[in-house]
Amino acid sequence: MTLLSDQADGIRALVGCADPGAVWAVGGPDGVQAASQDCDGTVFDVGSLAAVLALWPVVGSLVEEGALRLHTPLAAYGEEAAAGTPAGTTAHHLLTRTDGTEALTRLAEHLSGSPLAELAATRVWQPLGMTGTRFADGTLRAPLRDLVRFLGHLVAPADTDGPTGLPRTWTAESLRIRTGELTPARGLMWHPAPHGVWAHPAPAVPGPALWARPGGHRWALLLPALPPGRHTTLRQAFRDAAFAPV
């Protein structure tokens, strides 16, 4: 689905008025359709997206290779894997909660014997061509072009069950409601949003945000320049401008 020129102009005017310093882009599997700037090598602090850019696909790779089962209690993988979690906790529980990233990171590192930064680089970023993404200075940093690559693969994942990148099966399992009738509804680290869209992070979490609509083959990203607490309304308006029917 290609972004119409009127939609692109509307997004540009919306963000330019509300947050002139923000960086944004909208596109599909083939790349950017409209953006605030060229996808050059400028590196951004995207630390608040580390859970979905690094941890979520790493966990998916462990599931794909059979090293991790989502509904198996963590204690089955050893005391270290289950440390600090209630009895009976599973990876599925952690993936559907907003406070499960620390335990999931410990689990992934325990199962693989490698730190998350190394796992993400070898299992995810390198296979997807995200050559500028890395953990540095205590946060995750990435250029816009790498975020575009990630989102392009997210809306059109590789048709493979291999242990690297973003396999179709893991993406499909993640971008659907996994919390039953419990609220708020959630997928695996992704949150349902209007217009058939999946978002990360949760609406209340400030900072950069990603959206994807696999069925419509469209994605969007927003890296706000406003301080935390001042861009919730912009996020919603930006999402609607990028995904609402015209």
Protein backbone atom coordinates (compact mmCIF):
# COMPACT_ATOMS: atom_id res chain seq x y z
CA MET A 1 0.00 0.00 0.00
CA THR A 2 1.61 3.23 -1.15
CA LEU A 3 1.27 6.43 0.83
CA LEU A 4 -0.63 9.08 -1.13
CA SER A 5 1.02 12.44 -1.69
CA ASP A 6 -1.74 14.22 0.21
CA GLN A 7 -1.17 11.91 3.18
CA ALA A 8 2.56 12.59 3.11
CA ASP A 9 1.97 16.33 2.97
CA GLY A 10 -0.45 16.06 5.87
CA ILE A 11 2.03 14.14 8.02
CA ARG A 12 4.78 16.61 7.18
CA ALA A 13 2.58 19.55 8.20
CA LEU A 14 1.36 17.81 11.35
CA VAL A 15 4.80 16.96 12.70
CA GLY A 16 6.34 20.21 11.50
CA CYS A 17 3.82 22.16 13.54
CA ALA A 18 3.80 19.99 16.67
CA ASP A 19 7.45 18.96 16.92
CA PRO A 20 9.69 20.49 14.21
CA GLY A 21 12.76 18.62 15.41
CA ALA A 22 11.17 15.18 15.26
CA VAL A 23 12.43 12.53 12.85
CA TRP A 24 9.80 10.38 11.17
CA ALA A 25 9.27 8.03 8.25
CA VAL A 26 6.47 6.01 6.70
CA GLY A 27 6.97 3.20 4.23
CA GLY A 28 6.51 -0.41 3.24
CA PRO A 29 8.53 -3.54 2.40
CA ASP A 30 10.35 -1.69 -0.39
CA GLY A 31 11.51 1.18 1.80
CA VAL A 32 10.60 4.75 2.66
CA GLN A 33 7.60 6.42 1.02
CA ALA A 34 7.80 9.70 2.97
CA ALA A 35 10.18 10.97 5.64
CA SER A 36 11.38 14.02 7.48
CA GLN A 37 14.94 13.55 6.22
CA ASP A 38 17.16 11.31 4.13
CA CYS A 39 18.08 7.92 5.57
CA ASP A 40 21.70 8.92 6.07
CA GLY A 41 24.13 7.65 8.68
CA THR A 42 22.98 9.89 11.53
CA VAL A 43 22.77 7.68 14.63
CA PHE A 44 19.92 8.12 17.09
CA ASP A 45 19.42 7.06 20.69
CA VAL A 46 16.66 4.45 20.46
CA GLY A 47 17.20 2.88 23.86
CA SER A 48 13.48 2.70 24.61
CA LEU A 49 13.09 0.46 21.55
CA ALA A 50 15.75 -2.05 22.64
CA ALA A 51 13.12 -4.52 23.82
CA VAL A 52 11.68 -4.88 20.33
CA LEU A 53 14.77 -4.22 18.20
CA ALA A 54 17.02 -6.59 20.15
CA LEU A 55 15.34 -8.74 22.80
CA TRP A 56 12.10 -9.66 21.00
CA PRO A 57 13.76 -11.05 17.85
CA VAL A 58 16.46 -12.78 19.91
CA VAL A 59 13.81 -14.56 21.96
CA GLY A 60 12.10 -15.44 18.70
CA SER A 61 15.29 -17.00 17.37
CA LEU A 62 15.58 -19.16 20.50
CA VAL A 63 11.97 -20.28 20.05
CA GLU A 64 12.52 -21.04 16.36
CA GLU A 65 15.54 -23.22 17.07
CA GLY A 66 13.76 -25.10 19.86
CA ALA A 67 15.93 -23.82 22.71
CA LEU A 68 12.94 -22.10 24.35
CA ARG A 69 9.28 -23.03 24.72
CA LEU A 70 6.97 -20.14 25.52
CA HIS A 71 4.69 -22.04 27.90
CA THR A 72 7.36 -23.98 29.79
CA PRO A 73 8.03 -22.68 33.33
CA LEU A 74 11.37 -20.89 33.50
CA ALA A 75 12.47 -23.18 36.35
CA ALA A 76 12.77 -25.97 33.78
CA TYR A 77 15.78 -24.11 32.35
CA GLY A 78 17.57 -23.86 35.70
CA GLU A 79 17.51 -21.76 38.85
CA GLU A 80 19.32 -18.86 37.18
CA ALA A 81 16.73 -18.67 34.42
CA ALA A 82 13.88 -18.41 36.94
CA ALA A 83 15.60 -16.15 39.47
CA GLY A 84 13.44 -13.28 40.69
CA THR A 85 10.23 -14.51 39.04
CA PRO A 86 7.14 -16.06 40.69
CA ALA A 87 6.80 -19.83 40.57
CA GLY A 88 5.32 -21.03 37.31
CA THR A 89 6.36 -17.96 35.30
CA THR A 90 6.87 -18.66 31.60
CA ALA A 91 8.44 -16.75 28.72
CA HIS A 92 4.92 -16.15 27.42
CA HIS A 93 4.02 -14.40 30.69
CA LEU A 94 7.06 -12.15 30.37
CA LEU A 95 6.46 -11.34 26.70
CA THR A 96 2.93 -10.17 27.43
CA ARG A 97 3.93 -7.88 30.31
CA THR A 98 5.56 -4.46 30.20
CA ASP A 99 7.95 -5.32 33.04
CA GLY A 100 9.31 -8.61 31.73
CA THR A 101 12.35 -7.41 29.76
CA GLU A 102 14.94 -7.85 32.50
CA ALA A 103 13.92 -11.44 33.18
CA LEU A 104 13.72 -12.20 29.46
CA THR A 105 17.19 -10.79 28.90
CA ARG A 106 18.56 -12.97 31.69
CA LEU A 107 16.78 -15.98 30.23
CA ALA A 108 18.10 -15.40 26.70
CA GLU A 109 21.64 -14.92 27.94
CA HIS A 110 21.37 -18.01 30.15
CA LEU A 111 20.12 -20.23 27.33
CA SER A 112 22.66 -19.01 24.79
CA GLY A 113 25.68 -18.30 26.96
CA SER A 114 26.15 -14.92 25.25
CA PRO A 115 25.25 -11.32 26.15
CA LEU A 116 22.20 -9.75 24.53
CA ALA A 117 24.29 -7.28 22.51
CA GLU A 118 26.16 -10.14 20.84
CA LEU A 119 23.01 -12.19 20.30
CA ALA A 120 21.18 -9.30 18.65
CA ALA A 121 24.13 -8.47 16.41
CA THR A 122 24.69 -12.01 15.15
CA ARG A 123 21.13 -13.32 15.07
CA VAL A 124 19.20 -10.22 14.01
CA TRP A 125 21.03 -7.07 12.94
CA GLN A 126 23.67 -8.63 10.70
CA PRO A 127 21.22 -10.90 8.82
CA LEU A 128 18.88 -7.93 8.28
CA GLY A 129 21.70 -5.65 7.12
CA MET A 130 21.40 -3.32 10.13
CA THR A 131 25.11 -2.53 10.06
CA GLY A 132 24.94 0.68 12.10
CA THR A 133 22.91 -0.61 15.06
CA ARG A 134 24.73 -1.32 18.32
CA PHE A 135 24.68 -0.92 22.07
CA ALA A 136 26.99 1.95 23.07
CA ASP A 137 27.32 4.29 26.03
CA GLY A 138 24.69 2.38 27.96
CA THR A 139 21.94 2.62 25.33
CA LEU A 140 20.91 1.29 21.93
CA ARG A 141 21.85 3.46 18.96
CA ALA A 142 20.73 3.07 15.35
CA PRO A 143 20.61 5.10 12.12
CA LEU A 144 17.30 5.71 10.41
CA ARG A 145 18.21 3.42 7.54
CA ASP A 146 18.53 0.46 9.94
CA LEU A 147 15.14 1.15 11.49
CA VAL A 148 13.71 1.20 7.97
CA ARG A 149 15.29 -2.18 7.24
CA PHE A 150 13.89 -3.67 10.43
CA LEU A 151 10.37 -2.41 9.79
CA GLY A 152 10.46 -3.47 6.14
CA HIS A 153 11.21 -7.03 7.21
CA LEU A 154 8.59 -6.81 9.95
CA VAL A 155 5.73 -6.10 7.55
CA ALA A 156 7.05 -8.62 5.01
CA PRO A 157 9.02 -11.19 7.07
CA ALA A 158 11.24 -13.79 5.48
CA ASP A 159 9.44 -16.97 4.47
CA THR A 160 11.72 -19.17 6.55
CA ASP A 161 11.85 -20.81 9.93
CA GLY A 162 15.58 -20.22 10.28
CA PRO A 163 17.16 -18.95 13.50
CA THR A 164 18.12 -15.51 12.20
CA GLY A 165 16.38 -12.29 11.27
CA LEU A 166 12.61 -12.07 11.57
CA PRO A 167 11.04 -15.40 10.56
CA ARG A 168 7.45 -15.26 9.36
CA THR A 169 6.19 -17.68 12.02
CA TRP A 170 7.58 -15.68 14.95
CA THR A 171 6.24 -12.40 13.60
CA ALA A 172 2.81 -13.91 13.00
CA GLU A 173 2.71 -15.38 16.50
CA SER A 174 3.73 -12.06 18.04
CA LEU A 175 1.39 -9.75 16.15
CA ARG A 176 -1.85 -11.20 17.42
CA ILE A 177 -3.68 -11.00 20.73
CA ARG A 178 -1.93 -13.28 23.22
CA THR A 179 -3.66 -12.19 26.43
CA GLY A 180 -7.11 -13.71 25.83
CA GLU A 181 -9.81 -11.68 27.52
CA LEU A 182 -7.39 -9.94 29.88
CA THR A 183 -6.87 -6.22 29.52
CA PRO A 184 -5.00 -4.44 28.24
CA ALA A 185 -4.80 -6.67 25.17
CA ARG A 186 -1.28 -7.41 24.03
CA GLY A 187 0.70 -9.48 21.57
CA LEU A 188 4.26 -10.60 22.29
CA MET A 189 5.90 -7.26 23.16
CA TRP A 190 3.61 -5.51 20.66
CA HIS A 191 0.42 -3.57 21.42
CA PRO A 192 -2.71 -3.51 19.24
CA ALA A 193 -3.72 -0.06 18.03
CA PRO A 194 -6.46 1.41 15.80
CA HIS A 195 -6.51 0.77 12.02
CA GLY A 196 -5.21 -2.80 12.37
CA VAL A 197 -1.84 -1.54 13.55
CA TRP A 198 0.64 -2.97 16.07
CA ALA A 199 2.74 -0.55 18.12
CA HIS A 200 5.79 -0.52 20.35
CA PRO A 201 6.21 0.66 23.03
CA ALA A 202 2.98 1.02 25.00
CA PRO A 203 1.25 4.40 24.49
CA ALA A 204 2.22 5.62 27.97
CA VAL A 205 5.95 5.02 27.43
CA PRO A 206 7.67 8.18 26.16
CA GLY A 207 10.30 8.38 23.44
CA PRO A 208 10.65 6.79 19.99
CA ALA A 209 7.79 4.66 18.68
CA LEU A 210 7.25 2.12 15.90
CA TRP A 211 4.06 0.98 14.18
CA ALA A 212 3.44 -1.85 11.73
CA ARG A 213 0.44 -3.11 9.80
CA PRO A 214 1.54 -6.37 8.17
CA GLY A 215 -1.72 -6.92 6.30
CA GLY A 216 -1.46 -3.46 4.76
CA HIS A 217 2.30 -3.68 4.24
CA ARG A 218 2.89 -0.33 5.90
CA TRP A 219 5.08 0.79 8.78
CA ALA A 220 5.82 4.10 10.48
CA LEU A 221 8.31 5.44 12.98
CA LEU A 222 8.54 8.60 15.05
CA LEU A 223 11.57 9.85 16.97
CA PRO A 224 10.22 12.89 18.85
CA ALA A 225 12.36 15.82 19.88
CA LEU A 226 9.90 17.06 22.52
CA PRO A 227 10.66 16.16 26.13
CA PRO A 228 8.84 13.13 27.63
CA GLY A 229 5.22 13.78 28.49
CA ARG A 230 4.60 16.25 25.70
CA HIS A 231 4.24 14.05 22.64
CA THR A 232 1.45 11.57 23.47
CA THR A 233 -1.06 13.54 21.43
CA LEU A 234 1.38 13.83 18.53
CA ARG A 235 1.91 10.08 18.53
CA GLN A 236 -1.79 9.42 18.16
CA ALA A 237 -2.24 12.02 15.45
CA PHE A 238 0.83 10.78 13.58
CA ARG A 239 -0.40 7.18 13.72
CA ASP A 240 -3.82 8.15 12.43
CA ALA A 241 -2.34 10.23 9.62
CA ALA A 242 -0.10 7.32 8.55
CA PHE A 243 -2.65 4.51 8.75
CA ALA A 244 -6.24 5.79 8.72
CA PRO A 245 -8.20 5.08 5.52
CA VAL A 246 -8.40 7.98 3.06
